[in-house]
Amino acid sequence: MNKVFLLFKHEFIQAIKKPGFIILTLTIPVLALITIGVVDLFSTWFEPDADEITLIGFVDQVGIFEERTDQGFLKLIPYQSKDIAVNALVDGEIDEVIIIPSDIITTASVQRYSMERELETPMGIRYGISNFIVWNLLKDDVPPAIIDNVLTPLEMTVTRLEEDGSVADSQINIGNIIIPGIFAFLLSMALMFGNNSLISGLGEEKESRLIEVLTSSVSVSQMLLGKVLALGAAGLFQVLLWLISAPLILNLASATFGGSLAYIQIPPNFLFFGVIYFILGYLNFAVLAVMVGGIVSTAADGHNLSMLYIMAGYIPLWTFGAFMSFPDSPIWIALSIFPITGPVQTMLIMGVSDIPIWQICTSLGVLVLSILIGQYLSIRIFRTFMLMYGKRPRMKEIFQTLKTS
């Protein structure tokens, strides 16, 4: 065990000293801080002045548009003709002009003139002009309260019920998925970089024949156990740094994004299971990386071969849109149990819906079993092919080795 600890210590220090690990660990908090700063800066630059009013001249060819000319930051000014309105626009007396044709009821279109280079009418101006036109078209036939209600955007809230019809204690909103979604993305990135780091290390050791020196001092199982545990510890160290920086980032973000962060909720036991899945996900990818490192003779070949399961690990993120639309589909249960996609998919499920305890237990059990089996097989594969240089063994040779072992 002393040899394993020494290997673990050495590999752990080497892992956290690598530029890729440092960059990934620091990039996430730094990017979050930069994003907050940029949003705050842009909101300061482009926040509309409460006293700034856009003046819009309009020519009424129908003869009924006279009410509700004040639309908040828009003020509509009547003109007798198009020529007079356009001259006022050119002279800078108004900001733009709209022509309301006599057949607007059948065509539902207006002509807008502006001195700005625009591809489309800005949303705020479109909304204000639309309200002005709709109100005046309906004012003689519809009560004002109904017109205001129609022009107000519809707000719809969803209340989740239990099977007995009672209101559920926890309600789902967009805030619930923010933290799990970010965590799942970070986990995917960390697994990819951790996997590449281990494969690079094994490849370099094989290419430099350092692996022969190591195996002359320690057994293959001790060497691989130290490497796998070191990678898992590095992953835990990484997530702990992110968790420590999270409160500071959220406090700064709350001042920038205002009350929107009030809707963010962390699902119960999320941090507990998040750390467990982070560690197990790291270990699972580590044993896969050891298998690949034992088969290939160079780090480049290892990276190419590892893309098969690395891409599979991103499936939950690729299918995130479908998952949000159909969160109760059985396919997500299968992805949460499958060891490669399990950690990321389970984190996403925790944010959208309740996840039964049997599903978590099954997912964790399969993940632990895959790590143990993977570690056993990786030792056998690595012991057989670690000294093979310049040639990758065929699948038939690998299966024959496992069968013989």
Protein backbone atom coordinates (compact mmCIF):
# COMPACT_ATOMS: atom_id res chain seq x y z
CA MET A 1 0.00 0.00 0.00
CA ASN A 2 2.95 2.32 0.58
CA LYS A 3 3.91 2.02 -3.09
CA VAL A 4 0.33 2.76 -4.14
CA PHE A 5 0.27 5.85 -1.93
CA LEU A 6 3.58 7.10 -3.33
CA LEU A 7 2.29 6.59 -6.88
CA PHE A 8 -0.99 8.25 -5.95
CA LYS A 9 0.81 11.25 -4.48
CA HIS A 10 3.09 11.60 -7.49
CA GLU A 11 0.28 11.24 -10.06
CA PHE A 12 -2.03 13.59 -8.15
CA ILE A 13 0.61 16.33 -8.04
CA GLN A 14 1.41 15.81 -11.70
CA ALA A 15 -2.31 15.93 -12.61
CA ILE A 16 -3.06 19.22 -10.86
CA LYS A 17 0.13 20.80 -12.20
CA LYS A 18 -0.76 20.17 -15.84
CA PRO A 19 -1.72 23.32 -17.79
CA GLY A 20 -4.94 21.73 -19.04
CA PHE A 21 -6.13 21.01 -15.49
CA ILE A 22 -5.23 24.49 -14.24
CA ILE A 23 -6.81 26.19 -17.24
CA LEU A 24 -10.07 24.24 -16.92
CA THR A 25 -10.24 24.75 -13.15
CA LEU A 26 -9.67 28.49 -13.31
CA THR A 27 -11.42 29.17 -16.61
CA ILE A 28 -14.92 28.38 -15.31
CA PRO A 29 -14.93 30.90 -12.41
CA VAL A 30 -13.01 33.47 -14.47
CA LEU A 31 -15.44 33.16 -17.41
CA ALA A 32 -18.37 33.52 -15.01
CA LEU A 33 -16.86 36.70 -13.55
CA ILE A 34 -16.10 38.08 -17.03
CA THR A 35 -19.67 37.34 -18.16
CA ILE A 36 -21.09 39.14 -15.13
CA GLY A 37 -18.81 42.11 -15.79
CA VAL A 38 -19.67 42.28 -19.50
CA VAL A 39 -23.42 42.06 -18.82
CA ASP A 40 -23.15 44.78 -16.18
CA LEU A 41 -21.10 46.98 -18.54
CA PHE A 42 -23.48 46.55 -21.47
CA SER A 43 -26.52 47.13 -19.28
CA THR A 44 -24.93 50.41 -18.16
CA TRP A 45 -24.09 51.47 -21.70
CA PHE A 46 -27.32 50.48 -23.39
CA GLU A 47 -29.86 50.95 -20.61
CA PRO A 48 -32.48 53.28 -22.05
CA ASP A 49 -32.75 56.72 -20.48
CA ALA A 50 -36.04 57.10 -18.66
CA ASP A 51 -36.32 60.68 -20.05
CA GLU A 52 -35.50 59.65 -23.65
CA ILE A 53 -38.67 59.53 -25.75
CA THR A 54 -38.82 58.33 -29.36
CA LEU A 55 -40.96 60.71 -31.41
CA ILE A 56 -42.89 59.02 -34.21
CA GLY A 57 -44.87 61.03 -36.68
CA PHE A 58 -47.93 59.34 -38.18
CA VAL A 59 -50.19 60.13 -41.09
CA ASP A 60 -53.74 58.88 -40.50
CA GLN A 61 -55.43 58.12 -43.82
CA VAL A 62 -58.36 56.50 -41.99
CA GLY A 63 -59.29 59.34 -39.64
CA ILE A 64 -59.77 57.42 -36.40
CA PHE A 65 -56.29 57.28 -34.88
CA GLU A 66 -56.21 59.91 -32.15
CA GLU A 67 -56.11 58.15 -28.77
CA ARG A 68 -53.26 56.50 -26.82
CA THR A 69 -50.55 58.49 -28.61
CA ASP A 70 -48.39 58.14 -25.50
CA GLN A 71 -46.90 54.61 -25.48
CA GLY A 72 -44.36 54.88 -22.68
CA PHE A 73 -41.02 55.60 -24.35
CA LEU A 74 -42.85 56.27 -27.65
CA LYS A 75 -44.86 59.40 -28.45
CA LEU A 76 -46.88 59.50 -31.65
CA ILE A 77 -47.45 62.90 -33.30
CA PRO A 78 -50.11 63.37 -36.03
CA TYR A 79 -49.26 65.01 -39.37
CA GLN A 80 -51.59 66.04 -42.18
CA SER A 81 -49.59 64.52 -45.04
CA LYS A 82 -46.70 62.29 -45.85
CA ASP A 83 -44.60 65.15 -47.24
CA ILE A 84 -44.96 67.23 -44.09
CA ALA A 85 -44.07 64.26 -41.87
CA VAL A 86 -41.04 63.30 -43.99
CA ASN A 87 -39.76 66.91 -43.94
CA ALA A 88 -40.07 66.90 -40.14
CA LEU A 89 -38.07 63.66 -40.08
CA VAL A 90 -35.33 65.08 -42.30
CA ASP A 91 -35.16 68.26 -40.18
CA GLY A 92 -34.69 66.16 -37.04
CA GLU A 93 -37.97 67.18 -35.39
CA ILE A 94 -39.06 63.54 -35.09
CA ASP A 95 -37.25 60.20 -35.15
CA GLU A 96 -39.36 58.30 -37.71
CA VAL A 97 -42.64 58.26 -39.63
CA ILE A 98 -45.42 55.73 -40.16
CA ILE A 99 -48.16 55.92 -42.76
CA ILE A 100 -51.46 54.31 -41.72
CA PRO A 101 -53.27 53.47 -45.01
CA SER A 102 -57.01 53.67 -45.47
CA ASP A 103 -57.21 49.91 -46.07
CA ILE A 104 -55.33 48.93 -42.92
CA ILE A 105 -58.26 46.78 -41.73
CA THR A 106 -57.87 44.47 -44.74
CA THR A 107 -54.11 44.72 -45.30
CA ALA A 108 -52.97 44.93 -41.65
CA SER A 109 -49.78 46.74 -42.72
CA VAL A 110 -48.22 50.16 -42.30
CA GLN A 111 -45.30 51.87 -44.03
CA ARG A 112 -42.48 53.03 -41.76
CA TYR A 113 -39.77 55.56 -42.65
CA SER A 114 -36.53 55.95 -40.69
CA MET A 115 -33.12 57.59 -41.10
CA GLU A 116 -31.39 54.62 -39.42
CA ARG A 117 -29.87 51.59 -41.17
CA GLU A 118 -32.11 48.76 -39.95
CA LEU A 119 -32.93 45.32 -41.26
CA GLU A 120 -36.12 45.04 -39.17
CA THR A 121 -38.16 47.29 -36.93
CA PRO A 122 -36.88 47.15 -33.31
CA MET A 123 -39.12 45.03 -31.09
CA GLY A 124 -39.98 47.87 -28.69
CA ILE A 125 -41.04 50.21 -31.47
CA ARG A 126 -43.03 47.46 -33.22
CA TYR A 127 -44.82 46.65 -29.95
CA GLY A 128 -45.69 50.30 -29.21
CA ILE A 129 -46.98 51.03 -32.72
CA SER A 130 -49.00 47.80 -32.71
CA ASN A 131 -50.64 48.73 -29.39
CA PHE A 132 -51.47 52.19 -30.71
CA ILE A 133 -53.09 50.83 -33.86
CA VAL A 134 -55.00 47.99 -32.19
CA TRP A 135 -56.40 50.28 -29.48
CA ASN A 136 -57.73 52.82 -31.97
CA LEU A 137 -59.22 50.15 -34.26
CA LEU A 138 -61.17 48.56 -31.39
CA LYS A 139 -62.01 51.61 -29.25
CA ASP A 140 -65.58 52.06 -30.54
CA ASP A 141 -66.60 48.39 -30.38
CA VAL A 142 -64.72 46.87 -27.42
CA PRO A 143 -64.61 48.04 -23.76
CA PRO A 144 -61.25 49.62 -22.83
CA ALA A 145 -60.58 47.06 -20.08
CA ILE A 146 -60.84 44.19 -22.59
CA ILE A 147 -58.52 45.97 -25.04
CA ASP A 148 -55.90 46.45 -22.32
CA ASN A 149 -56.23 42.80 -21.35
CA VAL A 150 -55.78 41.64 -24.95
CA LEU A 151 -52.69 43.83 -25.43
CA THR A 152 -51.08 42.57 -22.21
CA PRO A 153 -48.81 39.55 -22.86
CA LEU A 154 -50.30 36.33 -21.51
CA GLU A 155 -48.69 35.05 -18.34
CA MET A 156 -49.04 31.34 -17.65
CA THR A 157 -47.94 29.55 -14.51
CA VAL A 158 -47.77 25.79 -14.01
CA THR A 159 -48.56 24.00 -10.76
CA ARG A 160 -47.46 20.39 -10.40
CA LEU A 161 -49.84 18.01 -8.63
CA GLU A 162 -49.18 14.76 -6.82
CA GLU A 163 -50.92 11.53 -7.79
CA ASP A 164 -53.62 12.18 -5.14
CA GLY A 165 -54.37 15.61 -6.62
CA SER A 166 -52.62 17.66 -3.93
CA VAL A 167 -50.16 20.41 -4.78
CA ALA A 168 -46.58 19.09 -4.83
CA ASP A 169 -44.15 20.53 -2.30
CA SER A 170 -41.51 21.25 -4.95
CA GLN A 171 -42.47 23.07 -8.13
CA ILE A 172 -40.42 23.01 -11.32
CA ASN A 173 -39.29 26.21 -13.04
CA ILE A 174 -36.46 27.30 -15.29
CA GLY A 175 -34.35 28.10 -12.23
CA ASN A 176 -34.31 24.44 -11.22
CA ILE A 177 -32.39 23.37 -14.31
CA ILE A 178 -29.74 26.14 -14.24
CA ILE A 179 -27.47 24.71 -11.55
CA PRO A 180 -27.87 21.03 -12.65
CA GLY A 181 -27.34 22.04 -16.27
CA ILE A 182 -24.16 23.96 -15.49
CA PHE A 183 -22.93 21.13 -13.28
CA ALA A 184 -23.60 18.54 -16.01
CA PHE A 185 -21.69 20.63 -18.55
CA LEU A 186 -18.75 21.08 -16.20
CA LEU A 187 -18.74 17.37 -15.43
CA SER A 188 -18.63 16.52 -19.14
CA MET A 189 -15.74 18.90 -19.71
CA ALA A 190 -13.84 17.64 -16.67
CA LEU A 191 -14.29 13.99 -17.71
CA MET A 192 -12.97 14.74 -21.18
CA PHE A 193 -9.89 16.61 -19.94
CA GLY A 194 -9.20 14.06 -17.20
CA ASN A 195 -9.43 11.22 -19.69
CA ASN A 196 -7.11 12.96 -22.14
CA SER A 197 -4.65 13.71 -19.34
CA LEU A 198 -4.41 10.07 -18.27
CA ILE A 199 -4.09 8.78 -21.84
CA SER A 200 -1.39 11.37 -22.58
CA GLY A 201 0.55 10.32 -19.49
CA LEU A 202 0.34 6.62 -20.29
CA GLY A 203 1.23 7.23 -23.91
CA GLU A 204 4.26 9.32 -23.03
CA GLU A 205 5.44 6.71 -20.52
CA LYS A 206 5.13 3.94 -23.13
CA GLU A 207 6.85 5.96 -25.83
CA SER A 208 9.74 6.91 -23.52
CA ARG A 209 9.97 3.32 -22.13
CA LEU A 210 9.46 4.78 -18.64
CA ILE A 211 6.68 2.22 -18.18
CA GLU A 212 9.31 -0.52 -18.09
CA VAL A 213 11.10 1.21 -15.21
CA LEU A 214 7.85 1.63 -13.28
CA THR A 215 6.75 -1.97 -13.68
CA SER A 216 10.15 -3.16 -12.47
CA SER A 217 9.49 -1.46 -9.12
CA VAL A 218 5.73 -1.89 -8.65
CA SER A 219 3.13 -4.30 -9.97
CA VAL A 220 0.83 -3.31 -12.80
CA SER A 221 -2.20 -3.38 -10.48
CA GLN A 222 -0.47 -1.06 -7.98
CA MET A 223 0.60 1.33 -10.70
CA LEU A 224 -2.85 1.54 -12.31
CA LEU A 225 -4.63 1.78 -8.96
CA GLY A 226 -2.45 4.73 -8.00
CA LYS A 227 -3.11 6.45 -11.34
CA VAL A 228 -6.88 5.90 -11.23
CA LEU A 229 -7.22 7.07 -7.62
CA ALA A 230 -5.07 10.12 -8.33
CA LEU A 231 -7.29 11.09 -11.24
CA GLY A 232 -10.40 10.71 -9.09
CA ALA A 233 -8.85 12.83 -6.33
CA ALA A 234 -7.91 15.49 -8.88
CA GLY A 235 -11.51 15.57 -10.06
CA LEU A 236 -12.78 15.95 -6.49
CA PHE A 237 -10.27 18.74 -5.87
CA GLN A 238 -11.51 20.47 -9.01
CA VAL A 239 -15.20 20.34 -8.09
CA LEU A 240 -14.44 21.51 -4.53
CA LEU A 241 -12.72 24.61 -5.92
CA TRP A 242 -15.77 25.30 -8.09
CA LEU A 243 -18.13 24.86 -5.13
CA ILE A 244 -16.03 27.22 -3.00
CA SER A 245 -16.12 29.92 -5.70
CA ALA A 246 -19.86 29.45 -6.40
CA PRO A 247 -21.22 31.61 -3.50
CA LEU A 248 -19.01 34.56 -4.50
CA ILE A 249 -20.07 34.28 -8.14
CA LEU A 250 -23.77 33.99 -7.26
CA ASN A 251 -23.56 37.03 -4.97
CA LEU A 252 -21.99 39.10 -7.72
CA ALA A 253 -24.46 37.77 -10.29
CA SER A 254 -27.44 38.62 -8.09
CA ALA A 255 -26.47 42.29 -8.23
CA THR A 256 -26.21 42.15 -12.04
CA PHE A 257 -29.17 39.98 -12.96
CA GLY A 258 -31.43 41.25 -10.19
CA GLY A 259 -34.34 39.13 -9.05
CA SER A 260 -33.95 36.50 -11.77
CA LEU A 261 -31.58 34.52 -9.56
CA ALA A 262 -34.27 34.24 -6.93
CA TYR A 263 -35.84 31.51 -9.05
CA ILE A 264 -32.72 29.36 -8.95
CA GLN A 265 -33.22 26.40 -6.68
CA ILE A 266 -30.79 23.62 -5.87
CA PRO A 267 -32.64 20.27 -5.75
CA PRO A 268 -32.50 18.43 -2.41
CA ASN A 269 -29.36 16.33 -1.93
CA PHE A 270 -28.02 17.66 -5.24
CA LEU A 271 -24.60 18.58 -3.87
CA PHE A 272 -24.28 15.23 -2.11
CA PHE A 273 -25.10 13.16 -5.19
CA GLY A 274 -23.26 15.63 -7.41
CA VAL A 275 -19.96 15.00 -5.63
CA ILE A 276 -20.55 11.22 -5.67
CA TYR A 277 -21.32 11.15 -9.39
CA PHE A 278 -18.39 13.45 -10.09
CA ILE A 279 -15.95 11.08 -8.37
CA LEU A 280 -17.46 7.90 -9.82
CA GLY A 281 -17.67 9.45 -13.29
CA TYR A 282 -13.99 10.36 -13.08
CA LEU A 283 -13.04 6.85 -11.95
CA ASN A 284 -15.15 5.23 -14.67
CA PHE A 285 -13.52 7.28 -17.40
CA ALA A 286 -10.13 6.63 -15.78
CA VAL A 287 -10.42 2.85 -16.09
CA LEU A 288 -11.58 3.27 -19.69
CA ALA A 289 -8.56 5.47 -20.33
CA VAL A 290 -6.29 2.81 -18.81
CA MET A 291 -7.75 0.20 -21.16
CA VAL A 292 -7.13 2.46 -24.13
CA GLY A 293 -3.65 3.35 -22.85
CA GLY A 294 -2.78 -0.33 -22.58
CA ILE A 295 -3.89 -1.09 -26.13
CA VAL A 296 -2.36 1.80 -28.07
CA SER A 297 1.32 2.49 -28.49
CA THR A 298 1.15 6.31 -28.77
CA ALA A 299 -0.82 9.07 -27.06
CA ALA A 300 -2.23 10.25 -30.41
CA ASP A 301 -3.75 6.83 -31.11
CA GLY A 302 -5.16 6.83 -27.58
CA HIS A 303 -6.92 10.13 -28.05
CA ASN A 304 -8.46 8.96 -31.31
CA LEU A 305 -9.72 5.71 -29.81
CA SER A 306 -11.06 7.35 -26.64
CA MET A 307 -13.32 9.61 -28.70
CA LEU A 308 -15.72 6.66 -29.03
CA TYR A 309 -16.81 6.80 -25.40
CA ILE A 310 -16.08 10.51 -24.84
CA MET A 311 -18.64 11.43 -27.51
CA ALA A 312 -21.09 8.99 -25.93
CA GLY A 313 -20.68 10.86 -22.66
CA TYR A 314 -22.01 14.02 -24.32
CA ILE A 315 -25.29 12.39 -25.43
CA PRO A 316 -27.27 13.86 -22.47
CA LEU A 317 -26.17 17.37 -23.48
CA TRP A 318 -26.90 16.78 -27.17
CA THR A 319 -30.40 15.55 -26.38
CA PHE A 320 -31.08 18.24 -23.78
CA GLY A 321 -33.82 19.88 -25.87
CA ALA A 322 -35.72 16.63 -26.30
CA PHE A 323 -35.24 15.89 -22.60
CA MET A 324 -36.83 19.21 -21.61
CA SER A 325 -39.80 18.54 -23.90
CA PHE A 326 -40.31 14.90 -22.87
CA PRO A 327 -38.76 14.51 -19.39
CA ASP A 328 -40.76 11.35 -18.59
CA SER A 329 -39.51 9.27 -21.54
CA PRO A 330 -38.01 5.89 -20.57
CA ILE A 331 -34.90 6.64 -22.65
CA TRP A 332 -33.68 9.06 -19.96
CA ILE A 333 -33.92 6.31 -17.36
CA ALA A 334 -31.77 4.11 -19.58
CA LEU A 335 -29.22 6.90 -20.05
CA SER A 336 -29.09 7.52 -16.29
CA ILE A 337 -28.26 3.84 -15.68
CA PHE A 338 -25.77 3.42 -18.53
CA PRO A 339 -22.39 4.06 -16.81
CA ILE A 340 -20.91 6.38 -19.45
CA THR A 341 -23.91 8.72 -19.60
CA GLY A 342 -25.22 8.08 -16.08
CA PRO A 343 -23.48 10.88 -14.13
CA VAL A 344 -24.46 13.68 -16.53
CA GLN A 345 -27.98 12.42 -17.23
CA THR A 346 -28.80 11.92 -13.55
CA MET A 347 -27.74 15.48 -12.74
CA LEU A 348 -30.08 16.79 -15.43
CA ILE A 349 -33.00 14.65 -14.24
CA MET A 350 -32.60 15.98 -10.70
CA GLY A 351 -33.23 19.49 -12.01
CA VAL A 352 -36.35 18.73 -14.04
CA SER A 353 -38.25 16.08 -12.11
CA ASP A 354 -38.21 13.89 -9.06
CA ILE A 355 -35.96 10.89 -9.46
CA PRO A 356 -36.96 7.72 -7.60
CA ILE A 357 -34.51 6.26 -5.13
CA TRP A 358 -34.44 2.93 -6.95
CA GLN A 359 -33.18 4.69 -10.08
CA ILE A 360 -30.37 6.43 -8.20
CA CYS A 361 -29.40 3.19 -6.43
CA THR A 362 -29.43 1.28 -9.73
CA SER A 363 -27.42 3.98 -11.47
CA LEU A 364 -24.81 4.11 -8.70
CA GLY A 365 -24.68 0.32 -8.45
CA VAL A 366 -24.10 -0.13 -12.19
CA LEU A 367 -21.51 2.65 -12.16
CA VAL A 368 -19.57 1.13 -9.26
CA LEU A 369 -19.79 -2.34 -10.84
CA SER A 370 -18.52 -1.02 -14.16
CA ILE A 371 -15.57 0.63 -12.37
CA LEU A 372 -14.64 -2.59 -10.58
CA ILE A 373 -15.00 -4.73 -13.71
CA GLY A 374 -13.23 -2.09 -15.79
CA GLN A 375 -10.34 -1.92 -13.34
CA TYR A 376 -10.00 -5.71 -13.40
CA LEU A 377 -10.05 -5.87 -17.20
CA SER A 378 -7.79 -2.85 -17.62
CA ILE A 379 -5.13 -4.50 -15.45
CA ARG A 380 -5.28 -7.65 -17.59
CA ILE A 381 -5.15 -5.71 -20.84
CA PHE A 382 -2.41 -3.36 -19.70
CA ARG A 383 -0.26 -6.19 -18.31
CA THR A 384 -0.41 -8.02 -21.66
CA PHE A 385 0.04 -5.16 -24.12
CA MET A 386 2.01 -2.52 -22.19
CA LEU A 387 5.30 -3.46 -23.86
CA MET A 388 3.86 -3.66 -27.37
CA TYR A 389 5.31 -0.85 -29.48
CA GLY A 390 4.42 0.30 -32.99
CA LYS A 391 1.40 -2.01 -33.34
CA ARG A 392 -2.14 -1.90 -32.01
CA PRO A 393 -3.56 -5.33 -31.07
CA ARG A 394 -6.64 -6.49 -32.92
CA MET A 395 -9.94 -6.99 -31.14
CA LYS A 396 -9.58 -10.76 -31.55
CA GLU A 397 -6.27 -10.64 -29.67
CA ILE A 398 -7.77 -8.54 -26.88
CA PHE A 399 -10.75 -10.89 -26.40
CA GLN A 400 -8.42 -13.89 -26.49
CA THR A 401 -6.27 -12.31 -23.77
CA LEU A 402 -9.29 -11.66 -21.55
CA LYS A 403 -10.61 -15.15 -22.13
CA THR A 404 -7.27 -16.72 -21.24
CA SER A 405 -6.95 -14.55 -18.11
